[in-house]
Amino acid sequence: VERKKIDIGLSTIQAAYPGIKVEPYFSDPMVGACRRTSPLAS
């Protein structure tokens, strides 16, 4: 963003840069995943 390679960036890191506006955008819960035939699936 600082070097003007991109105009909008989506990052999971919050940092302070003088020329960059940083806004909380959304929060994603973390879940587990497995095969449908796994004992965990039910």
Full PDB file with SEQRES, HELIX, SHEET, SSBOND, CRYST1, ORIGX, SCALE, CONECT and MASTER records, all heavy atoms in Angstrom:
SEQRES   1 A   42  VAL GLU ARG LYS LYS ILE ASP ILE GLY LEU SER THR ILE          
SEQRES   2 A   42  GLN ALA ALA TYR PRO GLY ILE LYS VAL GLU PRO TYR PHE          
SEQRES   3 A   42  SER ASP PRO MET VAL GLY ALA CYS ARG ARG THR SER PRO          
SEQRES   4 A   42  LEU ALA SER                                                  
HELIX    1 AA1 PRO A   39  ALA A   41  5                                   3    
CRYST1    1.000    1.000    1.000  90.00  90.00  90.00 P 1           1          
ORIGX1      1.000000  0.000000  0.000000        0.00000                         
ORIGX2      0.000000  1.000000  0.000000        0.00000                         
ORIGX3      0.000000  0.000000  1.000000        0.00000                         
SCALE1      1.000000  0.000000  0.000000        0.00000                         
SCALE2      0.000000  1.000000  0.000000        0.00000                         
SCALE3      0.000000  0.000000  1.000000        0.00000                         
ATOM      1  N   VAL A   1       0.843  -1.205   0.000  1.00  0.00           N  
ATOM      2  CA  VAL A   1       0.000   0.000   0.000  1.00  0.00           C  
ATOM      3  C   VAL A   1       0.872   1.246   0.000  1.00  0.00           C  
ATOM      4  O   VAL A   1       0.625   2.198  -0.759  1.00  0.00           O  
ATOM      5  CB  VAL A   1      -0.951   0.008   1.224  1.00  0.00           C  
ATOM      6  CG1 VAL A   1      -1.721   1.325   1.293  1.00  0.00           C  
ATOM      7  CG2 VAL A   1      -1.927  -1.160   1.151  1.00  0.00           C  
ATOM      8  N   GLU A   2       1.892   1.235   0.832  1.00  0.00           N  
ATOM      9  CA  GLU A   2       2.772   2.397   0.956  1.00  0.00           C  
ATOM     10  C   GLU A   2       3.474   2.707  -0.367  1.00  0.00           C  
ATOM     11  O   GLU A   2       3.644   3.883  -0.731  1.00  0.00           O  
ATOM     12  CB  GLU A   2       3.797   2.141   2.061  1.00  0.00           C  
ATOM     13  CG  GLU A   2       4.546   3.379   2.507  1.00  0.00           C  
ATOM     14  CD  GLU A   2       5.400   3.109   3.732  1.00  0.00           C  
ATOM     15  OE1 GLU A   2       6.097   2.065   3.761  1.00  0.00           O  
ATOM     16  OE2 GLU A   2       5.365   3.925   4.665  1.00  0.00           O  
ATOM     17  N   ARG A   3       3.859   1.682  -1.083  1.00  0.00           N  
ATOM     18  CA  ARG A   3       4.570   1.871  -2.355  1.00  0.00           C  
ATOM     19  C   ARG A   3       3.615   2.035  -3.542  1.00  0.00           C  
ATOM     20  O   ARG A   3       4.048   2.077  -4.690  1.00  0.00           O  
ATOM     21  CB  ARG A   3       5.497   0.696  -2.611  1.00  0.00           C  
ATOM     22  CG  ARG A   3       6.643   0.608  -1.620  1.00  0.00           C  
ATOM     23  CD  ARG A   3       7.666  -0.401  -2.052  1.00  0.00           C  
ATOM     24  NE  ARG A   3       8.824  -0.393  -1.171  1.00  0.00           N  
ATOM     25  CZ  ARG A   3       9.944  -1.052  -1.432  1.00  0.00           C  
ATOM     26  NH1 ARG A   3      10.055  -1.756  -2.527  1.00  0.00           N  
ATOM     27  NH2 ARG A   3      10.957  -0.985  -0.591  1.00  0.00           N  
ATOM     28  N   LYS A   4       2.309   2.056  -3.254  1.00  0.00           N  
ATOM     29  CA  LYS A   4       1.281   2.263  -4.273  1.00  0.00           C  
ATOM     30  C   LYS A   4       1.189   1.105  -5.262  1.00  0.00           C  
ATOM     31  O   LYS A   4       0.727   1.279  -6.387  1.00  0.00           O  
ATOM     32  CB  LYS A   4       1.495   3.586  -5.013  1.00  0.00           C  
ATOM     33  CG  LYS A   4       1.484   4.796  -4.089  1.00  0.00           C  
ATOM     34  CD  LYS A   4       1.639   6.099  -4.852  1.00  0.00           C  
ATOM     35  CE  LYS A   4       1.620   7.286  -3.901  1.00  0.00           C  
ATOM     36  NZ  LYS A   4       1.776   8.569  -4.598  1.00  0.00           N  
ATOM     37  N   LYS A   5       1.621  -0.076  -4.815  1.00  0.00           N  
ATOM     38  CA  LYS A   5       1.432  -1.264  -5.641  1.00  0.00           C  
ATOM     39  C   LYS A   5      -0.028  -1.682  -5.587  1.00  0.00           C  
ATOM     40  O   LYS A   5      -0.580  -2.175  -6.576  1.00  0.00           O  
ATOM     41  CB  LYS A   5       2.329  -2.404  -5.149  1.00  0.00           C  
ATOM     42  CG  LYS A   5       2.181  -3.694  -5.949  1.00  0.00           C  
ATOM     43  CD  LYS A   5       3.121  -4.774  -5.445  1.00  0.00           C  
ATOM     44  CE  LYS A   5       2.978  -6.046  -6.267  1.00  0.00           C  
ATOM     45  NZ  LYS A   5       3.910  -7.112  -5.805  1.00  0.00           N  
ATOM     46  N   ILE A   6      -0.656  -1.523  -4.412  1.00  0.00           N  
ATOM     47  CA  ILE A   6      -2.083  -1.809  -4.273  1.00  0.00           C  
ATOM     48  C   ILE A   6      -2.774  -0.602  -3.659  1.00  0.00           C  
ATOM     49  O   ILE A   6      -2.152   0.210  -2.974  1.00  0.00           O  
ATOM     50  CB  ILE A   6      -2.344  -3.059  -3.402  1.00  0.00           C  
ATOM     51  CG1 ILE A   6      -1.773  -2.877  -1.989  1.00  0.00           C  
ATOM     52  CG2 ILE A   6      -1.784  -4.310  -4.053  1.00  0.00           C  
ATOM     53  CD1 ILE A   6      -2.126  -4.008  -1.035  1.00  0.00           C  
ATOM     54  N   ASP A   7      -4.072  -0.483  -3.917  1.00  0.00           N  
ATOM     55  CA  ASP A   7      -4.867   0.636  -3.407  1.00  0.00           C  
ATOM     56  C   ASP A   7      -5.716   0.233  -2.208  1.00  0.00           C  
ATOM     57  O   ASP A   7      -6.067   1.073  -1.384  1.00  0.00           O  
ATOM     58  CB  ASP A   7      -5.766   1.176  -4.523  1.00  0.00           C  
ATOM     59  CG  ASP A   7      -4.967   1.556  -5.756  1.00  0.00           C  
ATOM     60  OD1 ASP A   7      -4.074   2.403  -5.623  1.00  0.00           O  
ATOM     61  OD2 ASP A   7      -5.222   0.990  -6.834  1.00  0.00           O  
ATOM     62  N   ILE A   8      -6.074  -1.046  -2.129  1.00  0.00           N  
ATOM     63  CA  ILE A   8      -6.804  -1.600  -0.986  1.00  0.00           C  
ATOM     64  C   ILE A   8      -6.111  -2.889  -0.576  1.00  0.00           C  
ATOM     65  O   ILE A   8      -5.760  -3.707  -1.429  1.00  0.00           O  
ATOM     66  CB  ILE A   8      -8.276  -1.904  -1.333  1.00  0.00           C  
ATOM     67  CG1 ILE A   8      -9.026  -0.645  -1.755  1.00  0.00           C  
ATOM     68  CG2 ILE A   8      -8.988  -2.540  -0.142  1.00  0.00           C  
ATOM     69  CD1 ILE A   8     -10.446  -0.914  -2.184  1.00  0.00           C  
ATOM     70  N   GLY A   9      -5.907  -3.077   0.722  1.00  0.00           N  
ATOM     71  CA  GLY A   9      -5.312  -4.310   1.210  1.00  0.00           C  
ATOM     72  C   GLY A   9      -6.138  -4.905   2.340  1.00  0.00           C  
ATOM     73  O   GLY A   9      -6.700  -4.168   3.149  1.00  0.00           O  
ATOM     74  N   LEU A  10      -6.233  -6.218   2.371  1.00  0.00           N  
ATOM     75  CA  LEU A  10      -6.898  -6.926   3.467  1.00  0.00           C  
ATOM     76  C   LEU A  10      -5.830  -7.706   4.222  1.00  0.00           C  
ATOM     77  O   LEU A  10      -5.214  -8.623   3.680  1.00  0.00           O  
ATOM     78  CB  LEU A  10      -7.978  -7.874   2.935  1.00  0.00           C  
ATOM     79  CG  LEU A  10      -9.105  -7.239   2.120  1.00  0.00           C  
ATOM     80  CD1 LEU A  10     -10.138  -8.292   1.732  1.00  0.00           C  
ATOM     81  CD2 LEU A  10      -9.775  -6.112   2.886  1.00  0.00           C  
ATOM     82  N   SER A  11      -5.592  -7.331   5.475  1.00  0.00           N  
ATOM     83  CA  SER A  11      -4.506  -7.910   6.262  1.00  0.00           C  
ATOM     84  C   SER A  11      -5.019  -8.371   7.612  1.00  0.00           C  
ATOM     85  O   SER A  11      -5.987  -7.821   8.147  1.00  0.00           O  
ATOM     86  CB  SER A  11      -3.397  -6.865   6.453  1.00  0.00           C  
ATOM     87  OG  SER A  11      -2.387  -7.349   7.311  1.00  0.00           O  
ATOM     88  N   THR A  12      -4.358  -9.385   8.169  1.00  0.00           N  
ATOM     89  CA  THR A  12      -4.721  -9.839   9.511  1.00  0.00           C  
ATOM     90  C   THR A  12      -3.833  -9.190  10.565  1.00  0.00           C  
ATOM     91  O   THR A  12      -3.941  -9.508  11.749  1.00  0.00           O  
ATOM     92  CB  THR A  12      -4.599 -11.372   9.619  1.00  0.00           C  
ATOM     93  OG1 THR A  12      -3.252 -11.763   9.300  1.00  0.00           O  
ATOM     94  CG2 THR A  12      -5.564 -12.061   8.671  1.00  0.00           C  
ATOM     95  N   ILE A  13      -2.951  -8.296  10.143  1.00  0.00           N  
ATOM     96  CA  ILE A  13      -2.048  -7.602  11.064  1.00  0.00           C  
ATOM     97  C   ILE A  13      -2.464  -6.135  11.173  1.00  0.00           C  
ATOM     98  O   ILE A  13      -2.702  -5.480  10.161  1.00  0.00           O  
ATOM     99  CB  ILE A  13      -0.589  -7.689  10.576  1.00  0.00           C  
ATOM    100  CG1 ILE A  13      -0.111  -9.140  10.582  1.00  0.00           C  
ATOM    101  CG2 ILE A  13       0.328  -6.827  11.441  1.00  0.00           C  
ATOM    102  CD1 ILE A  13       1.268  -9.339  10.009  1.00  0.00           C  
ATOM    103  N   GLN A  14      -2.556  -5.638  12.397  1.00  0.00           N  
ATOM    104  CA  GLN A  14      -2.857  -4.222  12.627  1.00  0.00           C  
ATOM    105  C   GLN A  14      -1.559  -3.507  12.991  1.00  0.00           C  
ATOM    106  O   GLN A  14      -0.915  -3.840  13.975  1.00  0.00           O  
ATOM    107  CB  GLN A  14      -3.886  -4.058  13.739  1.00  0.00           C  
ATOM    108  CG  GLN A  14      -4.322  -2.619  13.955  1.00  0.00           C  
ATOM    109  CD  GLN A  14      -5.390  -2.494  15.035  1.00  0.00           C  
ATOM    110  OE1 GLN A  14      -5.495  -3.349  15.905  1.00  0.00           O  
ATOM    111  NE2 GLN A  14      -6.176  -1.428  14.967  1.00  0.00           N  
ATOM    112  N   ALA A  15      -1.177  -2.559  12.165  1.00  0.00           N  
ATOM    113  CA  ALA A  15       0.059  -1.811  12.396  1.00  0.00           C  
ATOM    114  C   ALA A  15      -0.193  -0.331  12.148  1.00  0.00           C  
ATOM    115  O   ALA A  15      -1.234   0.054  11.605  1.00  0.00           O  
ATOM    116  CB  ALA A  15       1.172  -2.336  11.486  1.00  0.00           C  
ATOM    117  N   ALA A  16       0.754   0.499  12.559  1.00  0.00           N  
ATOM    118  CA  ALA A  16       0.613   1.947  12.397  1.00  0.00           C  
ATOM    119  C   ALA A  16       1.600   2.447  11.353  1.00  0.00           C  
ATOM    120  O   ALA A  16       2.814   2.328  11.529  1.00  0.00           O  
ATOM    121  CB  ALA A  16       0.861   2.651  13.732  1.00  0.00           C  
ATOM    122  N   TYR A  17       1.070   2.979  10.267  1.00  0.00           N  
ATOM    123  CA  TYR A  17       1.868   3.613   9.212  1.00  0.00           C  
ATOM    124  C   TYR A  17       1.300   5.004   8.983  1.00  0.00           C  
ATOM    125  O   TYR A  17       0.074   5.165   8.822  1.00  0.00           O  
ATOM    126  CB  TYR A  17       1.792   2.808   7.913  1.00  0.00           C  
ATOM    127  CG  TYR A  17       2.734   1.635   7.842  1.00  0.00           C  
ATOM    128  CD1 TYR A  17       2.563   0.529   8.668  1.00  0.00           C  
ATOM    129  CD2 TYR A  17       3.786   1.616   6.936  1.00  0.00           C  
ATOM    130  CE1 TYR A  17       3.410  -0.563   8.602  1.00  0.00           C  
ATOM    131  CE2 TYR A  17       4.649   0.521   6.853  1.00  0.00           C  
ATOM    132  CZ  TYR A  17       4.451  -0.561   7.687  1.00  0.00           C  
ATOM    133  OH  TYR A  17       5.298  -1.638   7.616  1.00  0.00           O  
ATOM    134  N   PRO A  18       2.130   6.034   8.945  1.00  0.00           N  
ATOM    135  CA  PRO A  18       1.621   7.409   8.824  1.00  0.00           C  
ATOM    136  C   PRO A  18       0.709   7.638   7.624  1.00  0.00           C  
ATOM    137  O   PRO A  18      -0.291   8.340   7.723  1.00  0.00           O  
ATOM    138  CB  PRO A  18       2.911   8.243   8.701  1.00  0.00           C  
ATOM    139  CG  PRO A  18       3.971   7.405   9.325  1.00  0.00           C  
ATOM    140  CD  PRO A  18       3.597   5.989   9.038  1.00  0.00           C  
ATOM    141  N   GLY A  19       1.040   7.040   6.482  1.00  0.00           N  
ATOM    142  CA  GLY A  19       0.274   7.319   5.273  1.00  0.00           C  
ATOM    143  C   GLY A  19      -0.820   6.328   4.971  1.00  0.00           C  
ATOM    144  O   GLY A  19      -1.427   6.379   3.905  1.00  0.00           O  
ATOM    145  N   ILE A  20      -1.105   5.400   5.922  1.00  0.00           N  
ATOM    146  CA  ILE A  20      -2.080   4.338   5.662  1.00  0.00           C  
ATOM    147  C   ILE A  20      -3.216   4.397   6.679  1.00  0.00           C  
ATOM    148  O   ILE A  20      -2.984   4.495   7.883  1.00  0.00           O  
ATOM    149  CB  ILE A  20      -1.412   2.948   5.711  1.00  0.00           C  
ATOM    150  CG1 ILE A  20      -0.324   2.851   4.635  1.00  0.00           C  
ATOM    151  CG2 ILE A  20      -2.441   1.850   5.511  1.00  0.00           C  
ATOM    152  CD1 ILE A  20       0.429   1.536   4.653  1.00  0.00           C  
ATOM    153  N   LYS A  21      -4.416   4.350   6.189  1.00  0.00           N  
ATOM    154  CA  LYS A  21      -5.599   4.291   7.036  1.00  0.00           C  
ATOM    155  C   LYS A  21      -5.922   2.826   7.304  1.00  0.00           C  
ATOM    156  O   LYS A  21      -6.115   2.044   6.375  1.00  0.00           O  
ATOM    157  CB  LYS A  21      -6.778   4.981   6.343  1.00  0.00           C  
ATOM    158  CG  LYS A  21      -8.044   5.052   7.179  1.00  0.00           C  
ATOM    159  CD  LYS A  21      -9.134   5.779   6.406  1.00  0.00           C  
ATOM    160  CE  LYS A  21     -10.420   5.876   7.209  1.00  0.00           C  
ATOM    161  NZ  LYS A  21     -11.502   6.557   6.441  1.00  0.00           N  
ATOM    162  N   VAL A  22      -5.973   2.444   8.574  1.00  0.00           N  
ATOM    163  CA  VAL A  22      -6.206   1.057   8.972  1.00  0.00           C  
ATOM    164  C   VAL A  22      -7.544   0.970   9.708  1.00  0.00           C  
ATOM    165  O   VAL A  22      -7.748   1.641  10.722  1.00  0.00           O  
ATOM    166  CB  VAL A  22      -5.077   0.543   9.881  1.00  0.00           C  
ATOM    167  CG1 VAL A  22      -5.300  -0.922  10.244  1.00  0.00           C  
ATOM    168  CG2 VAL A  22      -3.718   0.732   9.205  1.00  0.00           C  
ATOM    169  N   GLU A  23      -8.460   0.146   9.189  1.00  0.00           N  
ATOM    170  CA  GLU A  23      -9.793   0.015   9.787  1.00  0.00           C  
ATOM    171  C   GLU A  23     -10.112  -1.442  10.070  1.00  0.00           C  
ATOM    172  O   GLU A  23      -9.891  -2.302   9.204  1.00  0.00           O  
ATOM    173  CB  GLU A  23     -10.852   0.572   8.837  1.00  0.00           C  
ATOM    174  CG  GLU A  23     -10.670   2.019   8.451  1.00  0.00           C  
ATOM    175  CD  GLU A  23     -11.663   2.426   7.378  1.00  0.00           C  
ATOM    176  OE1 GLU A  23     -12.822   2.728   7.727  1.00  0.00           O  
ATOM    177  OE2 GLU A  23     -11.289   2.420   6.185  1.00  0.00           O  
ATOM    178  N   PRO A  24     -10.640  -1.775  11.261  1.00  0.00           N  
ATOM    179  CA  PRO A  24     -11.142  -3.140  11.493  1.00  0.00           C  
ATOM    180  C   PRO A  24     -12.251  -3.426  10.485  1.00  0.00           C  
ATOM    181  O   PRO A  24     -13.152  -2.593  10.293  1.00  0.00           O  
ATOM    182  CB  PRO A  24     -11.689  -3.077  12.926  1.00  0.00           C  
ATOM    183  CG  PRO A  24     -11.005  -1.897  13.542  1.00  0.00           C  
ATOM    184  CD  PRO A  24     -10.802  -0.911  12.442  1.00  0.00           C  
ATOM    185  N   TYR A  25     -12.188  -4.576   9.835  1.00  0.00           N  
ATOM    186  CA  TYR A  25     -13.137  -4.843   8.749  1.00  0.00           C  
ATOM    187  C   TYR A  25     -14.123  -5.948   9.097  1.00  0.00           C  
ATOM    188  O   TYR A  25     -15.313  -5.783   8.989  1.00  0.00           O  
ATOM    189  CB  TYR A  25     -12.359  -5.191   7.487  1.00  0.00           C  
ATOM    190  CG  TYR A  25     -13.023  -4.708   6.216  1.00  0.00           C  
ATOM    191  CD1 TYR A  25     -13.839  -3.588   6.205  1.00  0.00           C  
ATOM    192  CD2 TYR A  25     -12.828  -5.376   5.021  1.00  0.00           C  
ATOM    193  CE1 TYR A  25     -14.441  -3.145   5.053  1.00  0.00           C  
ATOM    194  CE2 TYR A  25     -13.422  -4.939   3.848  1.00  0.00           C  
ATOM    195  CZ  TYR A  25     -14.231  -3.830   3.880  1.00  0.00           C  
ATOM    196  OH  TYR A  25     -14.835  -3.391   2.721  1.00  0.00           O  
ATOM    197  N   PHE A  26     -13.609  -7.107   9.491  1.00  0.00           N  
ATOM    198  CA  PHE A  26     -14.494  -8.173   9.950  1.00  0.00           C  
ATOM    199  C   PHE A  26     -13.688  -9.147  10.796  1.00  0.00           C  
ATOM    200  O   PHE A  26     -12.461  -9.112  10.829  1.00  0.00           O  
ATOM    201  CB  PHE A  26     -15.178  -8.902   8.790  1.00  0.00           C  
ATOM    202  CG  PHE A  26     -14.237  -9.528   7.793  1.00  0.00           C  
ATOM    203  CD1 PHE A  26     -13.683 -10.779   8.011  1.00  0.00           C  
ATOM    204  CD2 PHE A  26     -13.910  -8.855   6.617  1.00  0.00           C  
ATOM    205  CE1 PHE A  26     -12.822 -11.344   7.093  1.00  0.00           C  
ATOM    206  CE2 PHE A  26     -13.051  -9.410   5.691  1.00  0.00           C  
ATOM    207  CZ  PHE A  26     -12.505 -10.665   5.933  1.00  0.00           C  
ATOM    208  N   SER A  27     -14.403 -10.001  11.521  1.00  0.00           N  
ATOM    209  CA  SER A  27     -13.779 -10.967  12.414  1.00  0.00           C  
ATOM    210  C   SER A  27     -14.285 -12.357  12.063  1.00  0.00           C  
ATOM    211  O   SER A  27     -15.494 -12.586  12.021  1.00  0.00           O  
ATOM    212  CB  SER A  27     -14.105 -10.627  13.869  1.00  0.00           C  
ATOM    213  OG  SER A  27     -13.459 -11.498  14.746  1.00  0.00           O  
ATOM    214  N   ASP A  28     -13.363 -13.274  11.795  1.00  0.00           N  
ATOM    215  CA  ASP A  28     -13.722 -14.597  11.283  1.00  0.00           C  
ATOM    216  C   ASP A  28     -13.507 -15.660  12.357  1.00  0.00           C  
ATOM    217  O   ASP A  28     -12.373 -15.876  12.799  1.00  0.00           O  
ATOM    218  CB  ASP A  28     -12.833 -14.913  10.081  1.00  0.00           C  
ATOM    219  CG  ASP A  28     -13.537 -15.787   9.055  1.00  0.00           C  
ATOM    220  OD1 ASP A  28     -14.583 -16.355   9.389  1.00  0.00           O  
ATOM    221  OD2 ASP A  28     -13.026 -15.896   7.930  1.00  0.00           O  
ATOM    222  N   PRO A  29     -14.581 -16.333  12.819  1.00  0.00           N  
ATOM    223  CA  PRO A  29     -14.393 -17.423  13.778  1.00  0.00           C  
ATOM    224  C   PRO A  29     -13.569 -18.539  13.150  1.00  0.00           C  
ATOM    225  O   PRO A  29     -13.590 -18.741  11.939  1.00  0.00           O  
ATOM    226  CB  PRO A  29     -15.827 -17.904  14.056  1.00  0.00           C  
ATOM    227  CG  PRO A  29     -16.713 -16.797  13.602  1.00  0.00           C  
ATOM    228  CD  PRO A  29     -15.995 -16.122  12.480  1.00  0.00           C  
ATOM    229  N   MET A  30     -12.845 -19.268  13.975  1.00  0.00           N  
ATOM    230  CA  MET A  30     -12.061 -20.409  13.506  1.00  0.00           C  
ATOM    231  C   MET A  30     -12.808 -21.692  13.847  1.00  0.00           C  
ATOM    232  O   MET A  30     -13.321 -21.848  14.967  1.00  0.00           O  
ATOM    233  CB  MET A  30     -10.683 -20.407  14.160  1.00  0.00           C  
ATOM    234  CG  MET A  30      -9.888 -19.135  13.927  1.00  0.00           C  
ATOM    235  SD  MET A  30      -9.416 -18.895  12.202  1.00  0.00           S  
ATOM    236  CE  MET A  30      -8.094 -20.103  12.061  1.00  0.00           C  
ATOM    237  N   VAL A  31     -12.884 -22.603  12.894  1.00  0.00           N  
ATOM    238  CA  VAL A  31     -13.601 -23.866  13.087  1.00  0.00           C  
ATOM    239  C   VAL A  31     -12.701 -25.020  12.675  1.00  0.00           C  
ATOM    240  O   VAL A  31     -11.689 -24.841  11.997  1.00  0.00           O  
ATOM    241  CB  VAL A  31     -14.905 -23.910  12.266  1.00  0.00           C  
ATOM    242  CG1 VAL A  31     -15.863 -22.813  12.715  1.00  0.00           C  
ATOM    243  CG2 VAL A  31     -14.606 -23.779  10.763  1.00  0.00           C  
ATOM    244  N   GLY A  32     -13.086 -26.217  13.097  1.00  0.00           N  
ATOM    245  CA  GLY A  32     -12.374 -27.409  12.674  1.00  0.00           C  
ATOM    246  C   GLY A  32     -12.992 -27.973  11.418  1.00  0.00           C  
ATOM    247  O   GLY A  32     -14.140 -27.669  11.076  1.00  0.00           O  
ATOM    248  N   ALA A  33     -12.250 -28.819  10.707  1.00  0.00           N  
ATOM    249  CA  ALA A  33     -12.761 -29.462   9.501  1.00  0.00           C  
ATOM    250  C   ALA A  33     -12.191 -30.866   9.381  1.00  0.00           C  
ATOM    251  O   ALA A  33     -11.059 -31.130   9.811  1.00  0.00           O  
ATOM    252  CB  ALA A  33     -12.416 -28.641   8.269  1.00  0.00           C  
ATOM    253  N   CYS A  34     -13.008 -31.763   8.825  1.00  0.00           N  
ATOM    254  CA  CYS A  34     -12.585 -33.154   8.648  1.00  0.00           C  
ATOM    255  C   CYS A  34     -13.360 -33.754   7.479  1.00  0.00           C  
ATOM    256  O   CYS A  34     -14.256 -33.119   6.907  1.00  0.00           O  
ATOM    257  CB  CYS A  34     -12.830 -33.958   9.917  1.00  0.00           C  
ATOM    258  SG  CYS A  34     -14.582 -34.063  10.372  1.00  0.00           S  
ATOM    259  N   ARG A  35     -13.043 -34.969   7.130  1.00  0.00           N  
ATOM    260  CA  ARG A  35     -13.799 -35.677   6.102  1.00  0.00           C  
ATOM    261  C   ARG A  35     -15.170 -36.061   6.645  1.00  0.00           C  
ATOM    262  O   ARG A  35     -15.346 -36.252   7.850  1.00  0.00           O  
ATOM    263  CB  ARG A  35     -13.035 -36.930   5.671  1.00  0.00           C  
ATOM    264  CG  ARG A  35     -11.771 -36.626   4.884  1.00  0.00           C  
ATOM    265  CD  ARG A  35     -10.851 -37.836   4.850  1.00  0.00           C  
ATOM    266  NE  ARG A  35     -11.443 -38.970   4.183  1.00  0.00           N  
ATOM    267  CZ  ARG A  35     -11.204 -39.318   2.908  1.00  0.00           C  
ATOM    268  NH1 ARG A  35     -10.369 -38.592   2.187  1.00  0.00           N  
ATOM    269  NH2 ARG A  35     -11.769 -40.376   2.377  1.00  0.00           N  
ATOM    270  N   ARG A  36     -16.141 -36.182   5.750  1.00  0.00           N  
ATOM    271  CA  ARG A  36     -17.494 -36.522   6.180  1.00  0.00           C  
ATOM    272  C   ARG A  36     -17.546 -37.912   6.814  1.00  0.00           C  
ATOM    273  O   ARG A  36     -18.440 -38.212   7.617  1.00  0.00           O  
ATOM    274  CB  ARG A  36     -18.451 -36.429   4.993  1.00  0.00           C  
ATOM    275  CG  ARG A  36     -19.908 -36.606   5.361  1.00  0.00           C  
ATOM    276  CD  ARG A  36     -20.829 -36.192   4.239  1.00  0.00           C  
ATOM    277  NE  ARG A  36     -20.854 -34.743   4.089  1.00  0.00           N  
ATOM    278  CZ  ARG A  36     -21.588 -33.925   4.831  1.00  0.00           C  
ATOM    279  NH1 ARG A  36     -22.339 -34.410   5.803  1.00  0.00           N  
ATOM    280  NH2 ARG A  36     -21.574 -32.633   4.630  1.00  0.00           N  
ATOM    281  N   THR A  37     -16.612 -38.780   6.473  1.00  0.00           N  
ATOM    282  CA  THR A  37     -16.575 -40.141   7.028  1.00  0.00           C  
ATOM    283  C   THR A  37     -15.777 -40.231   8.330  1.00  0.00           C  
ATOM    284  O   THR A  37     -15.624 -41.316   8.894  1.00  0.00           O  
ATOM    285  CB  THR A  37     -15.961 -41.094   5.988  1.00  0.00           C  
ATOM    286  OG1 THR A  37     -14.737 -40.535   5.495  1.00  0.00           O  
ATOM    287  CG2 THR A  37     -16.916 -41.307   4.820  1.00  0.00           C  
ATOM    288  N   SER A  38     -15.274 -39.103   8.821  1.00  0.00           N  
ATOM    289  CA  SER A  38     -14.510 -39.087  10.066  1.00  0.00           C  
ATOM    290  C   SER A  38     -15.439 -39.226  11.272  1.00  0.00           C  
ATOM    291  O   SER A  38     -16.590 -38.766  11.241  1.00  0.00           O  
ATOM    292  CB  SER A  38     -13.729 -37.776  10.176  1.00  0.00           C  
ATOM    293  OG  SER A  38     -13.225 -37.605  11.484  1.00  0.00           O  
ATOM    294  N   PRO A  39     -14.983 -39.847  12.366  1.00  0.00           N  
ATOM    295  CA  PRO A  39     -15.787 -39.909  13.595  1.00  0.00           C  
ATOM    296  C   PRO A  39     -16.141 -38.523  14.128  1.00  0.00           C  
ATOM    297  O   PRO A  39     -17.137 -38.363  14.842  1.00  0.00           O  
ATOM    298  CB  PRO A  39     -14.876 -40.655  14.574  1.00  0.00           C  
ATOM    299  CG  PRO A  39     -13.952 -41.446  13.719  1.00  0.00           C  
ATOM    300  CD  PRO A  39     -13.730 -40.610  12.496  1.00  0.00           C  
ATOM    301  N   LEU A  40     -15.349 -37.506  13.803  1.00  0.00           N  
ATOM    302  CA  LEU A  40     -15.617 -36.154  14.273  1.00  0.00           C  
ATOM    303  C   LEU A  40     -16.791 -35.504  13.542  1.00  0.00           C  
ATOM    304  O   LEU A  40     -17.369 -34.524  14.021  1.00  0.00           O  
ATOM    305  CB  LEU A  40     -14.373 -35.274  14.079  1.00  0.00           C  
ATOM    306  CG  LEU A  40     -13.084 -35.710  14.781  1.00  0.00           C  
ATOM    307  CD1 LEU A  40     -11.919 -34.828  14.322  1.00  0.00           C  
ATOM    308  CD2 LEU A  40     -13.251 -35.635  16.292  1.00  0.00           C  
ATOM    309  N   ALA A  41     -17.137 -36.029  12.365  1.00  0.00           N  
ATOM    310  CA  ALA A  41     -18.103 -35.361  11.488  1.00  0.00           C  
ATOM    311  C   ALA A  41     -19.504 -35.281  12.079  1.00  0.00           C  
ATOM    312  O   ALA A  41     -20.267 -34.361  11.760  1.00  0.00           O  
ATOM    313  CB  ALA A  41     -18.152 -36.069  10.134  1.00  0.00           C  
ATOM    314  N   SER A  42     -19.861 -36.220  12.941  1.00  0.00           N  
ATOM    315  CA  SER A  42     -21.222 -36.235  13.486  1.00  0.00           C  
ATOM    316  C   SER A  42     -21.375 -35.330  14.702  1.00  0.00           C  
ATOM    317  O   SER A  42     -22.479 -35.186  15.237  1.00  0.00           O  
ATOM    318  CB  SER A  42     -21.591 -37.674  13.881  1.00  0.00           C  
ATOM    319  OG  SER A  42     -20.694 -38.167  14.866  1.00  0.00           O  
TER     320      SER A  42                                                      
MASTER        0    0    0    1    0    0    0    6  319    1    0    4          
END                                                                             
